[in-house]
Every structure is written in C-alpha cells, then in structure tokens.
C-alpha cells in the first residue's frame, strides 16, 4: 500500500524541516545579536534570545511530529490520541505557512508547504479504520448455521433470576 512509504517520507521531511527551522531561527537570532538591531525600541538581546528559543521549540515540535510519523510507518497503524492531534496540527501549520510563503516568499516555498500538507493529510486519511495487521484478518462471513441465528446465553444463577437471590430447593 501507499501509507507506509508516505509515512516514511513525511517522517524524513519533518526531521529535515525541524532541523532547518531551528538552524534558520538560530542564525537570525545570531545576526540580530551581532548587529545589535532593535525593532520599535525592543531590547536586541531579548529579540535574539527569543528567536533562538522559538527556533529550538519549533524545531522540537517538528521533530515530535516526525517521531509520530515514524511510529506510524514502523507500526503500520494509524496515529491515535496525541499523535493524531500532533499530525493534524502540523497539517494546519503547513497550510498557514503555505499561505504566508505564497504572500511573502514565493511559489516554490508555497509549493513545498502544500506538498507537505498533502502528505500529512494522506498519512491521516489512508488508514481507513484499520487497527494494524490484526484488522486484516477475514471476518466470519458464513452467517448463521442450519439451526438459525444463535442468541447469546446469559449466565443465570440456579434457582432464581439475575435480580433475585437463589432460593434453596425444598424437598417434600
């Protein structure tokens, strides 16, 4: 199927993207610090430090999303719980960054963001309710036997209903 290779590609691209975002913000913070730049009177040291911290946090976020995609590829299971939330949020981030990239940077960067968005959505939707390899086992399709459908037997205590306690049998 296509889901495992797509999950592998998403994991590799998210690892690279996390490293790239962290490096880019670190370099920008270093440039702001070296040039002693200020924006609207803000402290240059605070701007440099916040750029570096933001880059590390955003890079770790992408790495965590890449780890979820890697687990999806290795286990061949759909993401669940926090992993699914992380991948959905990464898809939203790529959609927003794609719009910003189109407006500010250009179409090649927007195209990359849109491709990443498509790959993340593909990872999220290609698992159509299956829960791993065990879900691929065939179900019993033979239907009811010659006796007709069987009703489930409910265990009842001897000598009474499930709501009343059993009574001792009387002997005449």
C-alpha atoms as a PDB file:
ATOM      1  CA  UNK A   1       0.000   0.000   0.000  1.00  0.00           C
ATOM      2  CA  UNK A   2       0.944   3.619  -0.163  1.00  0.00           C
ATOM      3  CA  UNK A   3       0.575   4.514   3.508  1.00  0.00           C
ATOM      4  CA  UNK A   4       3.899   3.199   4.818  1.00  0.00           C
ATOM      5  CA  UNK A   5       6.101   4.889   2.200  1.00  0.00           C
ATOM      6  CA  UNK A   6       4.189   8.150   2.643  1.00  0.00           C
ATOM      7  CA  UNK A   7       4.651   7.965   6.419  1.00  0.00           C
ATOM      8  CA  UNK A   8       8.400   7.346   5.916  1.00  0.00           C
ATOM      9  CA  UNK A   9       8.666  10.334   3.568  1.00  0.00           C
ATOM     10  CA  UNK A  10       6.731  12.547   5.993  1.00  0.00           C
ATOM     11  CA  UNK A  11       8.979  11.486   8.876  1.00  0.00           C
ATOM     12  CA  UNK A  12      12.176  12.241   6.945  1.00  0.00           C
ATOM     13  CA  UNK A  13      10.889  15.588   5.655  1.00  0.00           C
ATOM     14  CA  UNK A  14       9.660  16.658   9.097  1.00  0.00           C
ATOM     15  CA  UNK A  15      13.031  15.774  10.669  1.00  0.00           C
ATOM     16  CA  UNK A  16      14.809  17.842   7.997  1.00  0.00           C
ATOM     17  CA  UNK A  17      12.308  20.668   8.308  1.00  0.00           C
ATOM     18  CA  UNK A  18      12.677  20.755  12.087  1.00  0.00           C
ATOM     19  CA  UNK A  19      16.444  20.984  11.768  1.00  0.00           C
ATOM     20  CA  UNK A  20      16.138  23.679   9.079  1.00  0.00           C
ATOM     21  CA  UNK A  21      13.699  25.797  11.105  1.00  0.00           C
ATOM     22  CA  UNK A  22      15.857  25.567  14.227  1.00  0.00           C
ATOM     23  CA  UNK A  23      19.022  26.490  12.293  1.00  0.00           C
ATOM     24  CA  UNK A  24      17.343  29.375  10.453  1.00  0.00           C
ATOM     25  CA  UNK A  25      15.990  30.933  13.645  1.00  0.00           C
ATOM     26  CA  UNK A  26      19.319  30.409  15.414  1.00  0.00           C
ATOM     27  CA  UNK A  27      21.162  32.198  12.587  1.00  0.00           C
ATOM     28  CA  UNK A  28      18.625  35.020  12.575  1.00  0.00           C
ATOM     29  CA  UNK A  29      18.992  35.415  16.332  1.00  0.00           C
ATOM     30  CA  UNK A  30      22.762  35.497  15.989  1.00  0.00           C
ATOM     31  CA  UNK A  31      22.528  38.170  13.272  1.00  0.00           C
ATOM     32  CA  UNK A  32      20.239  40.302  15.409  1.00  0.00           C
ATOM     33  CA  UNK A  33      22.638  39.907  18.327  1.00  0.00           C
ATOM     34  CA  UNK A  34      25.775  40.691  16.273  1.00  0.00           C
ATOM     35  CA  UNK A  35      24.304  43.780  14.606  1.00  0.00           C
ATOM     36  CA  UNK A  36      22.627  44.997  17.810  1.00  0.00           C
ATOM     37  CA  UNK A  37      19.384  45.528  15.889  1.00  0.00           C
ATOM     38  CA  UNK A  38      16.256  46.828  17.557  1.00  0.00           C
ATOM     39  CA  UNK A  39      12.654  46.821  16.412  1.00  0.00           C
ATOM     40  CA  UNK A  40      10.413  49.578  17.810  1.00  0.00           C
ATOM     41  CA  UNK A  41      12.614  50.008  20.842  1.00  0.00           C
ATOM     42  CA  UNK A  42      12.715  46.335  21.887  1.00  0.00           C
ATOM     43  CA  UNK A  43      15.823  45.045  23.597  1.00  0.00           C
ATOM     44  CA  UNK A  44      18.120  43.431  20.988  1.00  0.00           C
ATOM     45  CA  UNK A  45      19.292  40.772  23.441  1.00  0.00           C
ATOM     46  CA  UNK A  46      15.685  39.778  24.176  1.00  0.00           C
ATOM     47  CA  UNK A  47      14.911  39.618  20.447  1.00  0.00           C
ATOM     48  CA  UNK A  48      17.959  37.452  19.755  1.00  0.00           C
ATOM     49  CA  UNK A  49      17.246  35.103  22.650  1.00  0.00           C
ATOM     50  CA  UNK A  50      13.544  34.778  21.786  1.00  0.00           C
ATOM     51  CA  UNK A  51      14.416  33.984  18.165  1.00  0.00           C
ATOM     52  CA  UNK A  52      16.798  31.244  19.270  1.00  0.00           C
ATOM     53  CA  UNK A  53      14.358  29.804  21.818  1.00  0.00           C
ATOM     54  CA  UNK A  54      11.482  29.946  19.309  1.00  0.00           C
ATOM     55  CA  UNK A  55      13.589  28.151  16.710  1.00  0.00           C
ATOM     56  CA  UNK A  56      14.509  25.377  19.120  1.00  0.00           C
ATOM     57  CA  UNK A  57      10.908  24.959  20.311  1.00  0.00           C
ATOM     58  CA  UNK A  58       9.522  24.944  16.766  1.00  0.00           C
ATOM     59  CA  UNK A  59      12.245  22.518  15.636  1.00  0.00           C
ATOM     60  CA  UNK A  60      11.451  20.171  18.532  1.00  0.00           C
ATOM     61  CA  UNK A  61       7.760  20.385  17.646  1.00  0.00           C
ATOM     62  CA  UNK A  62       8.521  19.283  14.078  1.00  0.00           C
ATOM     63  CA  UNK A  63      10.771  16.511  15.408  1.00  0.00           C
ATOM     64  CA  UNK A  64       7.981  15.276  17.673  1.00  0.00           C
ATOM     65  CA  UNK A  65       5.610  15.235  14.689  1.00  0.00           C
ATOM     66  CA  UNK A  66       8.294  13.378  12.707  1.00  0.00           C
ATOM     67  CA  UNK A  67       8.568  10.830  15.521  1.00  0.00           C
ATOM     68  CA  UNK A  68       4.807  10.236  15.322  1.00  0.00           C
ATOM     69  CA  UNK A  69       5.054   9.770  11.542  1.00  0.00           C
ATOM     70  CA  UNK A  70       7.988   7.405  12.058  1.00  0.00           C
ATOM     71  CA  UNK A  71       5.965   5.324  14.520  1.00  0.00           C
ATOM     72  CA  UNK A  72       3.102   5.229  12.018  1.00  0.00           C
ATOM     73  CA  UNK A  73       5.497   3.943   9.350  1.00  0.00           C
ATOM     74  CA  UNK A  74       7.133   1.333  11.584  1.00  0.00           C
ATOM     75  CA  UNK A  75       3.969   0.014  13.245  1.00  0.00           C
ATOM     76  CA  UNK A  76       1.748   0.339  10.148  1.00  0.00           C
ATOM     77  CA  UNK A  77      -1.057   1.684  12.314  1.00  0.00           C
ATOM     78  CA  UNK A  78      -2.990   4.888  12.165  1.00  0.00           C
ATOM     79  CA  UNK A  79      -1.987   7.563  14.653  1.00  0.00           C
ATOM     80  CA  UNK A  80      -4.245   7.859  17.672  1.00  0.00           C
ATOM     81  CA  UNK A  81      -4.681  10.271  20.546  1.00  0.00           C
ATOM     82  CA  UNK A  82      -1.934  12.846  20.968  1.00  0.00           C
ATOM     83  CA  UNK A  83      -0.104  11.610  17.860  1.00  0.00           C
ATOM     84  CA  UNK A  84      -3.132  12.268  15.694  1.00  0.00           C
ATOM     85  CA  UNK A  85      -3.554  15.716  17.229  1.00  0.00           C
ATOM     86  CA  UNK A  86       0.120  16.483  16.536  1.00  0.00           C
ATOM     87  CA  UNK A  87      -0.150  15.450  12.887  1.00  0.00           C
ATOM     88  CA  UNK A  88      -3.374  17.429  12.402  1.00  0.00           C
ATOM     89  CA  UNK A  89      -1.753  20.488  13.980  1.00  0.00           C
ATOM     90  CA  UNK A  90       1.309  20.049  11.740  1.00  0.00           C
ATOM     91  CA  UNK A  91      -1.003  19.946   8.716  1.00  0.00           C
ATOM     92  CA  UNK A  92      -2.683  23.170   9.847  1.00  0.00           C
ATOM     93  CA  UNK A  93       0.714  24.807  10.423  1.00  0.00           C
ATOM     94  CA  UNK A  94       1.830  23.825   6.924  1.00  0.00           C
ATOM     95  CA  UNK A  95      -1.385  25.210   5.443  1.00  0.00           C
ATOM     96  CA  UNK A  96      -0.908  28.551   7.189  1.00  0.00           C
ATOM     97  CA  UNK A  97       2.811  28.666   6.357  1.00  0.00           C
ATOM     98  CA  UNK A  98       1.968  27.870   2.735  1.00  0.00           C
ATOM     99  CA  UNK A  99      -0.331  30.895   2.560  1.00  0.00           C
ATOM    100  CA  UNK A 100       2.305  33.102   4.193  1.00  0.00           C
ATOM    101  CA  UNK A 101       5.005  31.725   1.906  1.00  0.00           C
ATOM    102  CA  UNK A 102       2.874  32.489  -1.161  1.00  0.00           C
ATOM    103  CA  UNK A 103       2.385  36.064   0.004  1.00  0.00           C
ATOM    104  CA  UNK A 104       5.901  36.836   1.234  1.00  0.00           C
ATOM    105  CA  UNK A 105       8.478  34.455  -0.232  1.00  0.00           C
ATOM    106  CA  UNK A 106       7.276  32.931  -3.480  1.00  0.00           C
ATOM    107  CA  UNK A 107       5.599  29.971  -5.106  1.00  0.00           C
ATOM    108  CA  UNK A 108       8.392  27.342  -4.727  1.00  0.00           C
ATOM    109  CA  UNK A 109       8.272  27.567  -0.941  1.00  0.00           C
ATOM    110  CA  UNK A 110       4.486  27.622  -1.024  1.00  0.00           C
ATOM    111  CA  UNK A 111       4.550  24.513  -3.206  1.00  0.00           C
ATOM    112  CA  UNK A 112       6.739  22.718  -0.647  1.00  0.00           C
ATOM    113  CA  UNK A 113       4.312  23.633   2.157  1.00  0.00           C
ATOM    114  CA  UNK A 114       1.312  22.479   0.108  1.00  0.00           C
ATOM    115  CA  UNK A 115       3.042  19.171  -0.720  1.00  0.00           C
ATOM    116  CA  UNK A 116       3.824  18.658   2.973  1.00  0.00           C
ATOM    117  CA  UNK A 117       0.206  19.474   3.823  1.00  0.00           C
ATOM    118  CA  UNK A 118      -0.977  16.912   1.281  1.00  0.00           C
ATOM    119  CA  UNK A 119       1.398  14.241   2.600  1.00  0.00           C
ATOM    120  CA  UNK A 120       0.312  14.845   6.198  1.00  0.00           C
ATOM    121  CA  UNK A 121      -3.346  14.618   5.221  1.00  0.00           C
ATOM    122  CA  UNK A 122      -2.572  11.445   3.257  1.00  0.00           C
ATOM    123  CA  UNK A 123      -0.976   9.887   6.345  1.00  0.00           C
ATOM    124  CA  UNK A 124      -4.043  10.819   8.380  1.00  0.00           C
ATOM    125  CA  UNK A 125      -6.713   9.534   5.970  1.00  0.00           C
ATOM    126  CA  UNK A 126      -5.195   6.451   4.332  1.00  0.00           C
ATOM    127  CA  UNK A 127      -5.767   4.369   7.446  1.00  0.00           C
ATOM    128  CA  UNK A 128      -9.444   3.683   6.913  1.00  0.00           C
ATOM    129  CA  UNK A 129     -10.403   2.477  10.358  1.00  0.00           C
ATOM    130  CA  UNK A 130      -7.911  -0.375  10.408  1.00  0.00           C
ATOM    131  CA  UNK A 131      -6.064  -1.048  13.611  1.00  0.00           C
ATOM    132  CA  UNK A 132      -2.892  -2.668  12.396  1.00  0.00           C
ATOM    133  CA  UNK A 133      -2.275  -6.094  10.867  1.00  0.00           C
ATOM    134  CA  UNK A 134      -4.869  -7.816  13.067  1.00  0.00           C
ATOM    135  CA  UNK A 135      -7.654  -5.894  11.328  1.00  0.00           C
ATOM    136  CA  UNK A 136      -6.733  -7.537   8.029  1.00  0.00           C
ATOM    137  CA  UNK A 137      -7.930 -10.945   9.214  1.00  0.00           C
ATOM    138  CA  UNK A 138     -11.086 -12.095   7.451  1.00  0.00           C
ATOM    139  CA  UNK A 139     -14.305 -11.953   9.408  1.00  0.00           C
ATOM    140  CA  UNK A 140     -16.705 -14.895   9.751  1.00  0.00           C
ATOM    141  CA  UNK A 141     -18.928 -14.455   6.696  1.00  0.00           C
ATOM    142  CA  UNK A 142     -20.663 -17.818   6.760  1.00  0.00           C
ATOM    143  CA  UNK A 143     -23.696 -16.436   8.558  1.00  0.00           C
ATOM    144  CA  UNK A 144     -25.961 -18.425  10.864  1.00  0.00           C
ATOM    145  CA  UNK A 145     -25.834 -22.183  10.809  1.00  0.00           C
ATOM    146  CA  UNK A 146     -28.711 -24.514   9.855  1.00  0.00           C
ATOM    147  CA  UNK A 147     -30.267 -24.007  13.277  1.00  0.00           C
ATOM    148  CA  UNK A 148     -30.748 -20.287  12.616  1.00  0.00           C
ATOM    149  CA  UNK A 149     -29.166 -17.415  14.461  1.00  0.00           C
ATOM    150  CA  UNK A 150     -27.992 -18.229  17.940  1.00  0.00           C
ATOM    151  CA  UNK A 151     -28.965 -15.995  20.813  1.00  0.00           C
ATOM    152  CA  UNK A 152     -26.300 -15.238  23.366  1.00  0.00           C
ATOM    153  CA  UNK A 153     -26.694 -17.199  26.522  1.00  0.00           C
ATOM    154  CA  UNK A 154     -26.765 -15.127  29.670  1.00  0.00           C
ATOM    155  CA  UNK A 155     -25.473 -16.821  32.795  1.00  0.00           C
ATOM    156  CA  UNK A 156     -28.204 -17.064  35.407  1.00  0.00           C
ATOM    157  CA  UNK A 157     -27.762 -18.464  38.863  1.00  0.00           C
ATOM    158  CA  UNK A 158     -29.561 -21.712  39.629  1.00  0.00           C
ATOM    159  CA  UNK A 159     -32.897 -21.267  41.293  1.00  0.00           C
ATOM    160  CA  UNK A 160     -33.552 -17.598  40.603  1.00  0.00           C
ATOM    161  CA  UNK A 161     -33.364 -14.698  38.231  1.00  0.00           C
ATOM    162  CA  UNK A 162     -30.339 -12.441  37.982  1.00  0.00           C
ATOM    163  CA  UNK A 163     -32.136  -9.880  40.153  1.00  0.00           C
ATOM    164  CA  UNK A 164     -33.283 -12.135  42.979  1.00  0.00           C
ATOM    165  CA  UNK A 165     -31.071 -14.312  45.101  1.00  0.00           C
ATOM    166  CA  UNK A 166     -31.339 -18.049  44.537  1.00  0.00           C
ATOM    167  CA  UNK A 167     -33.562 -19.977  46.889  1.00  0.00           C
ATOM    168  CA  UNK A 168     -32.724 -23.285  48.374  1.00  0.00           C
ATOM    169  CA  UNK A 169     -34.580 -26.179  46.773  1.00  0.00           C
ATOM    170  CA  UNK A 170     -37.238 -27.687  49.028  1.00  0.00           C
ATOM    171  CA  UNK A 171     -37.602 -31.432  49.389  1.00  0.00           C
ATOM    172  CA  UNK A 172     -41.017 -32.911  50.181  1.00  0.00           C
END
